[in-house]
Amino acid sequence: MLDTAIIPDKTIITAKGDSEAVDIGGASNRIFLLTLNITDVVEQESIELSIFTSPDGQTWSAKPALTFPQKFYREQAPMLLDLNSQPEVKFLRAHWEVNRWGRGTDTIRFEIGLQVHEVPPAMLTQK
């Protein structure tokens, strides 16, 4: 079962960027639970995080496979990513955009982590 970090916990984000590529090719199931953990944030800023896919870890999809709604606060946000219709996908990468507004310093600061967990087939058939 795949259970790893796309973005390690307590990663400090101060500008837009991308994570390293994560190999999901060994997963036996093609449905994943992605959990975004925002553990620290300053007021009047936002983050938008998207997941891009790749067959080789070099060439990335033009459009994201999944985008979390824009976030402003500390929270834990889970989302499912179903790649059953894309068997060629072997890698995932996160991309984030950040924004800050209002008074005070213009310094953006988020502390986040993003975990990916393969969802076991048995979990999908439970009622």
Protein backbone atom coordinates (compact mmCIF):
# COMPACT_ATOMS: atom_id res chain seq x y z
CA MET A 1 0.00 0.00 0.00
CA LEU A 2 1.30 3.41 -0.96
CA ASP A 3 1.47 5.81 2.00
CA THR A 4 3.89 8.70 1.58
CA ALA A 5 4.32 12.47 1.65
CA ILE A 6 4.16 14.58 -1.48
CA ILE A 7 5.03 17.55 0.73
CA PRO A 8 6.65 16.60 4.06
CA ASP A 9 4.85 17.82 7.21
CA LYS A 10 5.91 21.22 8.55
CA THR A 11 7.23 22.41 5.16
CA ILE A 12 7.41 26.21 5.11
CA ILE A 13 5.92 27.82 1.97
CA THR A 14 6.85 31.46 1.24
CA ALA A 15 6.31 31.64 -2.54
CA LYS A 16 4.70 29.68 -5.36
CA GLY A 17 6.41 26.41 -6.19
CA ASP A 18 6.36 22.69 -6.90
CA SER A 19 7.05 19.58 -4.89
CA GLU A 20 9.35 16.78 -5.95
CA ALA A 21 7.80 14.04 -8.08
CA VAL A 22 6.37 11.09 -6.14
CA ASP A 23 6.34 7.64 -7.76
CA ILE A 24 2.91 5.97 -7.50
CA GLY A 25 3.64 3.33 -10.16
CA GLY A 26 3.79 0.53 -7.59
CA ALA A 27 0.28 1.16 -6.24
CA SER A 28 -2.08 -1.75 -6.74
CA ASN A 29 -5.14 0.49 -6.64
CA ARG A 30 -5.63 3.70 -8.65
CA ILE A 31 -7.65 5.65 -6.08
CA PHE A 32 -5.77 7.82 -3.58
CA LEU A 33 -6.68 9.88 -0.54
CA LEU A 34 -4.72 13.13 -0.49
CA THR A 35 -4.71 15.01 2.82
CA LEU A 36 -3.55 18.61 2.95
CA ASN A 37 -2.51 19.66 6.46
CA ILE A 38 -2.13 23.39 7.07
CA THR A 39 -0.56 23.70 10.51
CA ASP A 40 0.41 27.38 10.53
CA VAL A 41 -0.62 30.47 8.59
CA VAL A 42 -0.51 34.24 8.97
CA GLU A 43 -3.67 36.28 8.47
CA GLN A 44 -4.70 37.71 5.12
CA GLU A 45 -3.08 35.14 2.85
CA SER A 46 -4.26 32.24 0.72
CA ILE A 47 -2.87 29.07 -0.83
CA GLU A 48 -4.20 27.07 -3.75
CA LEU A 49 -2.71 23.62 -4.25
CA SER A 50 -3.06 21.46 -7.37
CA ILE A 51 -1.90 17.95 -8.28
CA PHE A 52 -0.32 17.27 -11.67
CA THR A 53 0.34 13.83 -13.20
CA SER A 54 3.08 12.34 -15.34
CA PRO A 55 3.84 9.01 -17.03
CA ASP A 56 7.62 9.46 -16.66
CA GLY A 57 8.32 12.09 -13.97
CA GLN A 58 9.54 14.53 -16.62
CA THR A 59 6.54 15.50 -18.76
CA TRP A 60 3.64 16.88 -16.70
CA SER A 61 -0.06 17.20 -17.51
CA ALA A 62 -1.13 20.62 -18.81
CA LYS A 63 -4.13 20.67 -16.48
CA PRO A 64 -4.23 19.54 -12.85
CA ALA A 65 -5.83 16.19 -12.04
CA LEU A 66 -7.09 17.70 -8.76
CA THR A 67 -7.22 21.17 -7.20
CA PHE A 68 -7.94 21.82 -3.55
CA PRO A 69 -10.24 24.78 -2.92
CA GLN A 70 -8.37 27.94 -1.96
CA LYS A 71 -7.35 27.82 1.73
CA PHE A 72 -6.95 30.65 4.24
CA TYR A 73 -6.81 28.95 7.66
CA ARG A 74 -5.26 26.07 9.59
CA GLU A 75 -7.11 22.91 8.68
CA GLN A 76 -6.92 19.36 7.45
CA ALA A 77 -8.48 18.92 3.99
CA PRO A 78 -8.90 15.44 2.47
CA MET A 79 -9.71 14.82 -1.22
CA LEU A 80 -9.94 11.67 -3.34
CA LEU A 81 -7.99 11.33 -6.57
CA ASP A 82 -9.28 8.64 -8.94
CA LEU A 83 -6.75 7.67 -11.62
CA ASN A 84 -8.55 4.54 -12.88
CA SER A 85 -9.11 6.19 -16.27
CA GLN A 86 -5.41 7.13 -16.52
CA PRO A 87 -3.37 3.90 -16.19
CA GLU A 88 -0.33 5.61 -17.77
CA VAL A 89 0.12 7.92 -14.75
CA LYS A 90 3.13 6.88 -12.65
CA PHE A 91 4.05 10.13 -10.87
CA LEU A 92 2.34 12.93 -8.94
CA ARG A 93 3.60 16.42 -8.17
CA ALA A 94 2.02 19.25 -6.20
CA HIS A 95 2.03 22.86 -7.37
CA TRP A 96 1.00 25.75 -5.14
CA GLU A 97 0.13 29.39 -5.69
CA VAL A 98 0.12 31.78 -2.74
CA ASN A 99 -1.24 35.28 -2.24
CA ARG A 100 -1.04 37.90 0.52
CA TRP A 101 -3.02 41.14 0.92
CA GLY A 102 -3.91 43.76 3.49
CA ARG A 103 -1.78 45.71 5.93
CA GLY A 104 1.50 44.74 7.48
CA THR A 105 4.35 42.75 6.02
CA ASP A 106 4.06 41.22 2.56
CA THR A 107 5.81 38.05 3.71
CA ILE A 108 3.82 34.92 2.92
CA ARG A 109 4.21 32.01 5.33
CA PHE A 110 2.34 28.73 5.33
CA GLU A 111 3.39 25.57 7.17
CA ILE A 112 1.89 22.59 5.34
CA GLY A 113 2.17 18.91 4.56
CA LEU A 114 0.50 16.77 1.88
CA GLN A 115 0.10 13.04 2.34
CA VAL A 116 -1.01 10.51 -0.29
CA HIS A 117 -2.55 7.19 0.78
CA GLU A 118 -3.59 4.42 -1.56
CA VAL A 119 -7.22 3.53 -0.83
CA PRO A 120 -7.60 -0.27 -0.41
CA PRO A 121 -10.26 -1.81 -2.70
CA ALA A 122 -12.07 -3.19 0.37
CA MET A 123 -12.62 0.38 1.64
CA LEU A 124 -14.34 1.31 -1.63
CA THR A 125 -16.92 -1.49 -1.43
CA GLN A 126 -17.98 -0.98 2.20
CA LYS A 127 -21.47 0.35 2.77
